[in-house]
């Protein structure tokens, strides 16, 4: 992290009859802003950084800056007083799925996009590092978990992405650095079922006595029936309930398939 301090004085703006911040040296971002101005809300990246910090780790898209800072310090220690030109110590190219679906066997390609737009819980870069020992540059691959995306858990797409990076490193014979911050295989929830299932209580008036089953109303079963395996139950009152035997879900990556993917990437090593 880089700490930047700006110093201001509070001065009166006589033209607008208000008190504003006035920079004492270098022009700061709050120069000329009223002391009563509201704080701006956190941006998308700042919110992701805060979420990553709560997990005691670094937001994945900040790692390239950390590598660049380390390289600049390495140059400064080797050649005091001579600074390498900005942007010359590190060249970074993000790697993304060639196909938006990103299934098993999908290769990776170079891509350009703003940080934080990833739709997979892993990100990767091809980095060319210029070091004092090898100024012309050396290429490595970096792959990192995005702990802000579904808690950094591994689903089928994350497994496929990790395996694709591993295969690329082996094919090109490049070093691969894995920056790990994950919560293991994903345990998913079928949100469409979660939103509408009902509980068949043992005693409707005393829920504390437990329940016998969970079920769907006929109209909900007609809408999301493909997400469950259920059987019909008719009550004496004439009400029809669809008792849920198994939840399948419409999304891939909710259950045991995540463990299958974990086994596949473990086999790569």
Foldseek 3Di string as FASTA:
>chain_A
DDDDDWDWDWDADVVVGATATDTPDDDDPRHPPGPPDDDDDDDPVVVLQVVVVVLVHGAPVCVVVVLVVVQQVQVCVVPPPDGDPPPLFKDKWKWDFPDPVQAAPTAIDTDDDDPPPDPDQKIKIWMWGQHPVRNVTDIAMEMEGRCSHLNSAFFRNNLRVLVNSLVVCVVVVHHYHYHYRHDYADAADQVLCVVFKAFAAPDPVCNVVDGDFIWGAPVSCVVPVVQFDWDWDADPVRGITTTGPGGRHPDGGNDDNSVVSVVVSVVSD
